[in-house]
Amino acid sequence: MADKRDYYEVLGVQKGASDDEIKKAFRKKAKQYHPDLNPGDKEAEAKFKEVNEAYEVLSDKEKRARYDQFGHAGVDPNFGAGGGYGGYPGGSPFGQDIDLGDIFDSFFGGFGGGSRRRQSNAPRRGADTEAVLTISFEEAAKGCTKEVTYQNVESCKECGGSGAKKGTSPKTCPTCNGTGQVHINQRTPFGVMQTSRTCDKCGGAGKIVEDPCPHCSGAGRVRASRTVEVKVPAGINDEQVLSVSGHGNAGSNGGPAGDLHVYVSVRPHPIFERKGDDVWCELPLTFSQAALGAEVTVPTLDGKVSYTVHEGTQPGDVFRLRGKGIAHLGGRGRGDQFVKVTVEVPKNLSQKQKDILRDFDSAASEKNYQHRKGFFEKLKEMFGD
C-alpha cells in the first residue's frame, strides 16, 4: 500500500473537508477522467479508478474515520489480521483474550456492530456506477427524456447469481462453517489474543462452488452493457448529477443493487449564455436602427419574437424579456432573457455612402451626442479653453 496516493490528495481536498466538498471534488474528477470522455486513455482510466476508490472511502463515515486514524492500512480488508497491533507481539498490549473487532468498536463507537457481526458473507449493496450524458442547451432548459448506455455489473442470468453451474448449488464451506471468517488464537507474553481473517478456502463467501457456471466462471456476476431511460428535469445545469436508484452494480449475497449516477454535460449554445436561470444574448443593430428605432426580431428559447427598439438606443443598452429564460429546477416559473445591444459600424462604404455620412455629420450638432458633449465639457474643466 506504500505506492498508494493519499485519498485527500487524489480528490484535491483538505483533510478536514466537508461531505459536500468531497462530493463536489469527486464529481469534478470523475467527469475529468471518465472513460467515455477519454476513450483508449489508460492513464485516465487508472485515475478514474483511483478517484472512485478514494471517494468510496472518504464518503463513508466509518471508513473515513479508520483512514484518518490508520491511513490506507485502516481500510484494508485484512487490517488487524495476523500481523500484530501497534508493534506489540501478537498484536495486543493487554494480558487477556482480545478480539481486534472489539478494539475497533471502542475506537469508533461500535460501527457495524463488532467483528462477530461483520461477516464477509453478509448481504452487501452493489457499488454505484457512473455515466456521462451530453445534452443541448435547449434540452437542459426545457427538460427531456434520454437513453443512457453504460457498463454495469449484473447478476449472472445463467446461474441466478449463485456462481454454480445450472442444476447445482454452492456448498457450505467446511473450514469456516459458512461464516466467511476464521478465528486464530495466538498466545503471547501479554495473554491469548484472538484475531479474525477472511477464510482462505472460500474467500469470505461462506460457500464453495464445486462446479462453476461456465458463463460467469463461478463469479455469479458478469459485466454487461446496459441502457436505461433517464428523465432530465427542466432547468438542470452543466455538471449536475442525476441519480437513478437501483441501476448500479448488482449486490452480492442477496444485497441490493447500487445506484447509477449520471453526470450531465450541457453543450454551449452559439447565441445564448446562461447566468443562473436567466438567458443572455447580444443583438447587433445597424447605425440607422439604433438612431431611428426599429422593429427587430429577437431569438428566444421559445422561438422568434418581435421587439421595438426605441429611438436613440445606445451600444451596451440592455432590455429584458420576462419569462423567456430557463425553468426553475424543481420549482415553478422561469427566469428572464436579457438582450444586450451592439451597434455595428459599417465597412467598405461607397463614395456616395461616405458623402451622405459627411453631410449628416455636418448637419449634426453637440445636442445630438450626449456622451460626446459630456466628455468635452469635462476636458474643458480639466484643461480650460
Protein backbone atom coordinates (compact mmCIF):
# COMPACT_ATOMS: atom_id res chain seq x y z
CA MET A 1 0.00 0.00 0.00
CA ALA A 2 3.08 2.24 0.11
CA ASP A 3 2.61 3.25 -3.54
CA LYS A 4 -0.94 4.47 -2.99
CA ARG A 5 -1.53 8.21 -3.04
CA ASP A 6 -3.28 9.93 -0.17
CA TYR A 7 -7.02 9.83 -0.81
CA TYR A 8 -7.46 13.52 0.05
CA GLU A 9 -4.71 14.35 -2.44
CA VAL A 10 -6.42 12.21 -5.10
CA LEU A 11 -9.63 14.26 -4.79
CA GLY A 12 -7.77 17.53 -4.30
CA VAL A 13 -9.31 18.43 -0.92
CA GLN A 14 -8.02 19.15 2.58
CA LYS A 15 -8.20 16.50 5.30
CA GLY A 16 -10.94 18.37 7.15
CA ALA A 17 -13.11 18.82 4.03
CA SER A 18 -16.88 18.59 4.46
CA ASP A 19 -19.00 15.88 2.87
CA ASP A 20 -20.27 18.38 0.28
CA GLU A 21 -16.73 19.45 -0.62
CA ILE A 22 -15.69 15.82 -1.06
CA LYS A 23 -18.74 15.07 -3.20
CA LYS A 24 -18.16 18.14 -5.38
CA ALA A 25 -14.48 17.29 -5.84
CA PHE A 26 -15.36 13.70 -6.75
CA ARG A 27 -17.86 14.81 -9.40
CA LYS A 28 -15.29 17.12 -10.98
CA LYS A 29 -12.55 14.48 -11.03
CA ALA A 30 -14.87 11.69 -12.18
CA LYS A 31 -16.03 13.77 -15.13
CA GLN A 32 -12.44 14.75 -15.98
CA TYR A 33 -11.18 11.16 -16.13
CA HIS A 34 -14.37 9.31 -17.17
CA PRO A 35 -13.59 6.60 -19.78
CA ASP A 36 -16.42 7.83 -22.03
CA LEU A 37 -14.68 11.20 -22.32
CA ASN A 38 -11.18 9.67 -22.63
CA PRO A 39 -11.60 6.66 -24.93
CA GLY A 40 -8.47 4.48 -25.08
CA ASP A 41 -6.61 6.57 -22.49
CA LYS A 42 -5.22 4.04 -20.00
CA GLU A 43 -3.81 6.73 -17.71
CA ALA A 44 -7.22 8.43 -17.45
CA GLU A 45 -8.84 5.05 -16.80
CA ALA A 46 -6.39 4.37 -13.95
CA LYS A 47 -7.03 7.80 -12.44
CA PHE A 48 -10.79 7.27 -12.75
CA LYS A 49 -10.48 4.07 -10.70
CA GLU A 50 -8.24 5.86 -8.19
CA VAL A 51 -10.81 8.66 -7.81
CA ASN A 52 -13.62 6.16 -7.27
CA GLU A 53 -11.57 4.26 -4.68
CA ALA A 54 -10.82 7.48 -2.79
CA TYR A 55 -14.45 8.57 -2.84
CA GLU A 56 -15.66 5.16 -1.68
CA VAL A 57 -13.58 5.57 1.47
CA LEU A 58 -13.97 9.30 2.17
CA SER A 59 -17.74 9.30 1.57
CA ASP A 60 -18.25 6.57 4.18
CA LYS A 61 -18.06 7.89 7.75
CA GLU A 62 -16.78 4.62 9.21
CA LYS A 63 -14.12 4.07 6.56
CA ARG A 64 -13.05 7.71 6.64
CA ALA A 65 -12.60 7.56 10.42
CA ARG A 66 -10.41 4.46 10.09
CA TYR A 67 -8.45 6.03 7.25
CA ASP A 68 -7.82 9.24 9.21
CA GLN A 69 -6.60 7.15 12.17
CA PHE A 70 -4.52 4.48 10.44
CA GLY A 71 -4.09 5.53 6.81
CA HIS A 72 -4.52 3.01 3.99
CA ALA A 73 -3.99 0.13 6.42
CA GLY A 74 -7.15 1.14 8.30
CA VAL A 75 -9.36 0.45 5.27
CA ASP A 76 -7.59 -2.72 4.16
CA PRO A 77 -9.97 -5.72 4.44
CA ASN A 78 -7.30 -7.66 6.37
CA PHE A 79 -6.48 -4.85 8.79
CA GLY A 80 -5.61 -6.34 12.20
CA ALA A 81 -5.43 -9.92 10.93
CA GLY A 82 -2.39 -11.91 12.00
CA GLY A 83 0.23 -9.18 11.79
CA GLY A 84 0.04 -7.73 15.27
CA TYR A 85 -1.23 -4.42 16.51
CA GLY A 86 0.67 -1.26 17.33
CA GLY A 87 4.05 -3.05 17.43
CA TYR A 88 3.08 -5.46 20.23
CA PRO A 89 3.99 -9.14 19.73
CA GLY A 90 0.89 -11.00 18.61
CA GLY A 91 -0.97 -7.71 18.33
CA SER A 92 -2.26 -6.84 21.83
CA PRO A 93 -0.86 -4.85 24.73
CA PHE A 94 -3.40 -6.38 27.10
CA GLY A 95 -2.96 -9.53 29.21
CA GLN A 96 -6.24 -11.17 28.24
CA ASP A 97 -8.13 -12.73 25.33
CA ILE A 98 -8.90 -9.86 22.93
CA ASP A 99 -10.75 -9.64 19.62
CA LEU A 100 -9.46 -6.80 17.44
CA GLY A 101 -13.03 -6.15 16.38
CA ASP A 102 -13.77 -5.18 19.99
CA ILE A 103 -10.84 -2.74 19.92
CA PHE A 104 -12.25 -1.22 16.73
CA ASP A 105 -15.62 -0.88 18.44
CA SER A 106 -14.04 1.06 21.29
CA PHE A 107 -12.40 3.46 18.84
CA PHE A 108 -15.39 4.05 16.59
CA GLY A 109 -18.42 3.58 18.80
CA GLY A 110 -19.41 0.16 17.53
CA PHE A 111 -19.71 0.97 13.82
CA GLY A 112 -21.04 -2.09 12.06
CA GLY A 113 -21.81 -3.92 15.28
CA GLY A 114 -18.48 -5.65 16.05
CA SER A 115 -16.38 -8.18 14.18
CA ARG A 116 -18.58 -11.14 15.05
CA ARG A 117 -21.41 -9.39 13.21
CA ARG A 118 -19.31 -8.17 10.29
CA GLN A 119 -19.40 -11.46 8.41
CA SER A 120 -17.89 -11.50 4.93
CA ASN A 121 -20.83 -13.43 3.53
CA ALA A 122 -23.47 -10.94 4.73
CA PRO A 123 -25.64 -9.30 2.05
CA ARG A 124 -23.80 -6.35 0.57
CA ARG A 125 -25.10 -3.50 -1.54
CA GLY A 126 -23.62 -3.22 -5.01
CA ALA A 127 -21.30 -0.35 -5.88
CA ASP A 128 -22.63 2.77 -7.54
CA THR A 129 -21.73 3.26 -11.18
CA GLU A 130 -21.40 6.33 -13.38
CA ALA A 131 -22.32 7.50 -16.85
CA VAL A 132 -21.95 10.79 -18.74
CA LEU A 133 -24.91 12.30 -20.62
CA THR A 134 -24.39 15.16 -23.06
CA ILE A 135 -27.45 17.29 -23.88
CA SER A 136 -28.12 20.52 -25.75
CA PHE A 137 -28.70 23.92 -24.18
CA GLU A 138 -32.39 23.76 -25.12
CA GLU A 139 -32.82 20.27 -23.63
CA ALA A 140 -31.32 21.46 -20.35
CA ALA A 141 -33.63 24.48 -20.32
CA LYS A 142 -36.86 22.61 -21.06
CA GLY A 143 -36.14 19.07 -19.88
CA CYS A 144 -36.09 15.87 -21.92
CA THR A 145 -36.01 12.08 -21.76
CA LYS A 146 -32.79 10.39 -22.86
CA GLU A 147 -31.41 6.87 -23.14
CA VAL A 148 -28.11 6.30 -21.32
CA THR A 149 -25.87 3.35 -22.17
CA TYR A 150 -23.19 2.32 -19.69
CA GLN A 151 -21.14 -0.64 -18.46
CA ASN A 152 -22.58 -2.39 -15.42
CA VAL A 153 -22.01 -5.47 -13.28
CA GLU A 154 -25.12 -7.67 -13.48
CA SER A 155 -26.16 -10.83 -11.70
CA CYS A 156 -25.45 -13.80 -13.97
CA LYS A 157 -28.72 -14.97 -15.54
CA GLU A 158 -27.42 -18.48 -16.20
CA CYS A 159 -26.83 -19.33 -12.55
CA GLY A 160 -29.05 -16.74 -10.89
CA GLY A 161 -26.03 -15.16 -9.24
CA SER A 162 -25.01 -18.28 -7.29
CA GLY A 163 -21.86 -18.92 -9.36
CA ALA A 164 -22.73 -22.63 -9.57
CA LYS A 165 -23.44 -24.47 -12.80
CA LYS A 166 -27.12 -24.74 -13.67
CA GLY A 167 -28.66 -27.68 -11.78
CA THR A 168 -26.10 -27.50 -8.96
CA SER A 169 -25.72 -25.27 -5.90
CA PRO A 170 -22.84 -23.97 -3.76
CA LYS A 171 -21.82 -25.97 -0.67
CA THR A 172 -21.24 -24.60 2.81
CA CYS A 173 -17.52 -24.07 3.39
CA PRO A 174 -16.27 -26.71 5.85
CA THR A 175 -13.39 -24.52 7.04
CA CYS A 176 -15.40 -21.53 8.30
CA ASN A 177 -18.79 -23.29 8.56
CA GLY A 178 -20.35 -20.68 6.30
CA THR A 179 -19.28 -17.59 8.27
CA GLY A 180 -16.66 -16.45 5.77
CA GLN A 181 -14.14 -15.89 8.56
CA VAL A 182 -11.72 -17.99 10.56
CA HIS A 183 -10.53 -17.14 14.09
CA ILE A 184 -6.96 -17.61 15.21
CA ASN A 185 -5.81 -17.72 18.85
CA GLN A 186 -2.24 -16.59 19.49
CA ARG A 187 -0.54 -16.95 22.87
CA THR A 188 1.71 -14.01 23.70
CA PRO A 189 3.53 -12.75 26.80
CA PHE A 190 0.53 -10.49 27.30
CA GLY A 191 -2.10 -13.19 27.07
CA VAL A 192 -4.04 -15.03 24.40
CA MET A 193 -5.17 -12.85 21.54
CA GLN A 194 -7.86 -13.80 19.06
CA THR A 195 -7.80 -12.38 15.54
CA SER A 196 -10.15 -12.93 12.63
CA ARG A 197 -9.38 -13.05 8.96
CA THR A 198 -11.10 -13.91 5.73
CA CYS A 199 -11.38 -17.60 5.11
CA ASP A 200 -8.78 -18.72 2.54
CA LYS A 201 -10.88 -21.68 1.46
CA CYS A 202 -13.97 -19.76 0.31
CA GLY A 203 -12.54 -16.24 0.03
CA GLY A 204 -15.05 -14.95 2.58
CA ALA A 205 -18.14 -16.12 0.69
CA GLY A 206 -19.01 -18.83 3.22
CA LYS A 207 -19.78 -21.21 0.36
CA ILE A 208 -17.74 -23.20 -2.12
CA VAL A 209 -18.68 -23.66 -5.77
CA GLU A 210 -17.54 -27.11 -6.79
CA ASP A 211 -18.95 -26.95 -10.33
CA PRO A 212 -18.71 -23.29 -11.50
CA CYS A 213 -21.07 -21.70 -14.01
CA PRO A 214 -19.34 -21.55 -17.43
CA HIS A 215 -20.98 -18.21 -18.26
CA CYS A 216 -19.57 -16.25 -15.29
CA SER A 217 -16.71 -18.60 -14.33
CA GLY A 218 -18.22 -19.01 -10.88
CA ALA A 219 -18.25 -15.30 -10.04
CA GLY A 220 -22.04 -15.06 -10.06
CA ARG A 221 -21.81 -11.68 -11.78
CA VAL A 222 -20.90 -10.53 -15.27
CA ARG A 223 -20.07 -7.18 -16.84
CA ALA A 224 -22.54 -6.10 -19.48
CA SER A 225 -23.70 -3.05 -21.41
CA ARG A 226 -26.97 -1.66 -20.12
CA THR A 227 -29.33 1.03 -21.43
CA VAL A 228 -31.81 2.90 -19.25
CA GLU A 229 -34.19 5.76 -19.91
CA VAL A 230 -33.42 8.84 -17.83
CA LYS A 231 -35.78 11.75 -17.32
CA VAL A 232 -33.84 15.02 -17.32
CA PRO A 233 -35.72 17.75 -15.44
CA ALA A 234 -36.17 21.22 -16.95
CA GLY A 235 -33.61 23.69 -15.62
CA ILE A 236 -30.76 21.27 -14.99
CA ASN A 237 -27.32 22.83 -15.26
CA ASP A 238 -23.94 21.70 -16.54
CA GLU A 239 -22.06 19.29 -14.21
CA GLN A 240 -25.13 18.44 -12.15
CA VAL A 241 -25.72 14.77 -11.33
CA LEU A 242 -28.87 12.68 -11.71
CA SER A 243 -29.19 9.58 -9.52
CA VAL A 244 -31.15 6.59 -10.78
CA SER A 245 -31.87 4.29 -7.85
CA GLY A 246 -31.18 0.57 -8.20
CA HIS A 247 -29.46 0.76 -11.59
CA GLY A 248 -25.89 0.42 -10.35
CA ASN A 249 -23.79 -2.73 -9.96
CA ALA A 250 -25.52 -5.84 -8.65
CA GLY A 251 -25.18 -6.58 -4.93
CA SER A 252 -23.61 -9.72 -3.52
CA ASN A 253 -25.06 -12.39 -1.24
CA GLY A 254 -28.58 -11.14 -1.95
CA GLY A 255 -27.75 -7.47 -1.32
CA PRO A 256 -29.48 -4.68 -3.30
CA ALA A 257 -28.02 -3.08 -6.41
CA GLY A 258 -26.21 0.26 -6.19
CA ASP A 259 -27.30 3.45 -7.93
CA LEU A 260 -26.44 4.95 -11.29
CA HIS A 261 -25.03 8.49 -11.17
CA VAL A 262 -25.48 10.33 -14.46
CA TYR A 263 -23.14 13.31 -14.91
CA VAL A 264 -24.86 15.86 -17.13
CA SER A 265 -22.77 17.82 -19.63
CA VAL A 266 -24.54 20.72 -21.40
CA ARG A 267 -23.19 21.79 -24.79
CA PRO A 268 -22.54 25.55 -25.14
CA HIS A 269 -25.03 27.47 -27.30
CA PRO A 270 -23.83 29.62 -30.23
CA ILE A 271 -26.13 32.52 -29.26
CA PHE A 272 -27.35 32.12 -25.68
CA GLU A 273 -25.41 32.23 -22.43
CA ARG A 274 -26.82 31.05 -19.11
CA LYS A 275 -26.48 33.09 -15.91
CA GLY A 276 -28.41 31.38 -13.14
CA ASP A 277 -31.85 30.80 -14.62
CA ASP A 278 -31.60 33.85 -16.89
CA VAL A 279 -30.56 33.76 -20.53
CA TRP A 280 -28.37 36.43 -22.11
CA CYS A 281 -27.68 37.18 -25.76
CA GLU A 282 -26.39 40.02 -27.92
CA LEU A 283 -28.42 41.76 -30.63
CA PRO A 284 -26.45 43.57 -33.36
CA LEU A 285 -28.16 46.69 -34.74
CA THR A 286 -27.26 48.94 -37.65
CA PHE A 287 -26.44 52.57 -37.01
CA SER A 288 -29.79 53.61 -38.51
CA GLN A 289 -31.79 51.12 -36.41
CA ALA A 290 -30.17 52.34 -33.21
CA ALA A 291 -30.58 56.03 -34.11
CA LEU A 292 -34.09 55.97 -35.55
CA GLY A 293 -35.58 52.99 -33.68
CA ALA A 294 -36.85 49.84 -35.40
CA GLU A 295 -38.95 46.72 -35.16
CA VAL A 296 -36.47 43.84 -34.77
CA THR A 297 -36.61 40.06 -34.42
CA VAL A 298 -35.12 38.58 -31.24
CA PRO A 299 -34.32 34.83 -30.85
CA THR A 300 -35.57 33.11 -27.68
CA LEU A 301 -35.78 29.54 -26.40
CA ASP A 302 -39.43 29.58 -27.47
CA GLY A 303 -38.72 30.83 -30.98
CA LYS A 304 -38.51 34.30 -32.55
CA VAL A 305 -40.30 37.28 -31.01
CA SER A 306 -40.78 40.84 -32.26
CA TYR A 307 -39.41 43.75 -30.24
CA THR A 308 -39.48 47.52 -30.79
CA VAL A 309 -36.09 49.18 -30.26
CA HIS A 310 -36.62 52.79 -29.17
CA GLU A 311 -35.09 55.77 -30.95
CA GLY A 312 -31.60 56.67 -29.78
CA THR A 313 -30.67 53.21 -28.44
CA GLN A 314 -27.03 53.16 -27.36
CA PRO A 315 -24.42 50.37 -27.62
CA GLY A 316 -24.48 48.34 -24.39
CA ASP A 317 -28.14 49.07 -23.62
CA VAL A 318 -29.94 46.01 -22.20
CA PHE A 319 -33.62 45.15 -22.42
CA ARG A 320 -35.49 42.34 -20.68
CA LEU A 321 -37.96 39.74 -21.96
CA ARG A 322 -39.74 38.47 -18.86
CA GLY A 323 -40.36 34.75 -18.51
CA LYS A 324 -38.25 33.84 -21.54
CA GLY A 325 -35.41 32.30 -19.54
CA ILE A 326 -34.81 28.82 -18.10
CA ALA A 327 -37.26 26.90 -15.92
CA HIS A 328 -36.51 26.96 -12.18
CA LEU A 329 -35.25 23.48 -11.30
CA GLY A 330 -37.74 21.74 -9.02
CA GLY A 331 -39.95 24.83 -8.84
CA ARG A 332 -42.39 26.96 -10.78
CA GLY A 333 -41.79 29.72 -13.26
CA ARG A 334 -38.86 30.67 -15.42
CA GLY A 335 -36.05 33.16 -15.46
CA ASP A 336 -35.87 36.11 -17.87
CA GLN A 337 -34.00 36.80 -21.07
CA PHE A 338 -31.68 39.81 -21.24
CA VAL A 339 -30.71 41.23 -24.62
CA LYS A 340 -27.60 43.42 -24.89
CA VAL A 341 -27.47 45.80 -27.84
CA THR A 342 -24.38 46.17 -30.01
CA VAL A 343 -24.13 48.69 -32.86
CA GLU A 344 -22.15 47.64 -35.89
CA VAL A 345 -20.13 50.30 -37.69
CA PRO A 346 -20.40 49.79 -41.47
CA LYS A 347 -17.32 48.96 -43.53
CA ASN A 348 -16.44 49.07 -47.24
CA LEU A 349 -18.51 52.21 -47.90
CA SER A 350 -19.01 53.52 -51.43
CA GLN A 351 -18.18 57.13 -52.25
CA LYS A 352 -21.87 58.03 -52.26
CA GLN A 353 -22.35 56.49 -48.80
CA LYS A 354 -19.34 58.40 -47.48
CA ASP A 355 -20.68 61.69 -48.86
CA ILE A 356 -24.07 61.07 -47.23
CA LEU A 357 -22.42 60.42 -43.86
CA ARG A 358 -20.27 63.58 -44.16
CA ASP A 359 -23.39 65.62 -44.92
CA PHE A 360 -25.11 64.05 -41.92
CA ASP A 361 -22.13 64.77 -39.67
CA SER A 362 -22.03 68.40 -40.83
CA ALA A 363 -25.72 68.80 -40.08
CA ALA A 364 -25.47 67.25 -36.61
CA SER A 365 -24.72 69.30 -33.50
CA GLU A 366 -23.46 68.60 -29.99
CA LYS A 367 -27.03 68.17 -28.73
CA ASN A 368 -27.29 65.02 -30.85
CA TYR A 369 -24.39 63.43 -28.93
CA GLN A 370 -24.97 63.44 -25.19
CA HIS A 371 -21.95 61.35 -24.19
CA ARG A 372 -19.63 63.21 -26.55
CA LYS A 373 -20.87 66.55 -25.24
CA GLY A 374 -20.29 65.50 -21.63
CA PHE A 375 -16.80 64.22 -22.45
CA PHE A 376 -15.62 67.54 -23.93
CA GLU A 377 -17.17 69.53 -21.11
CA LYS A 378 -15.06 67.51 -18.67
CA LEU A 379 -11.97 68.20 -20.79
CA LYS A 380 -12.66 71.94 -20.56
CA GLU A 381 -12.90 71.69 -16.77
CA MET A 382 -9.55 69.92 -16.64
CA PHE A 383 -7.52 71.98 -19.14
CA GLY A 384 -9.56 75.10 -19.76
CA ASP A 385 -10.18 76.54 -23.23
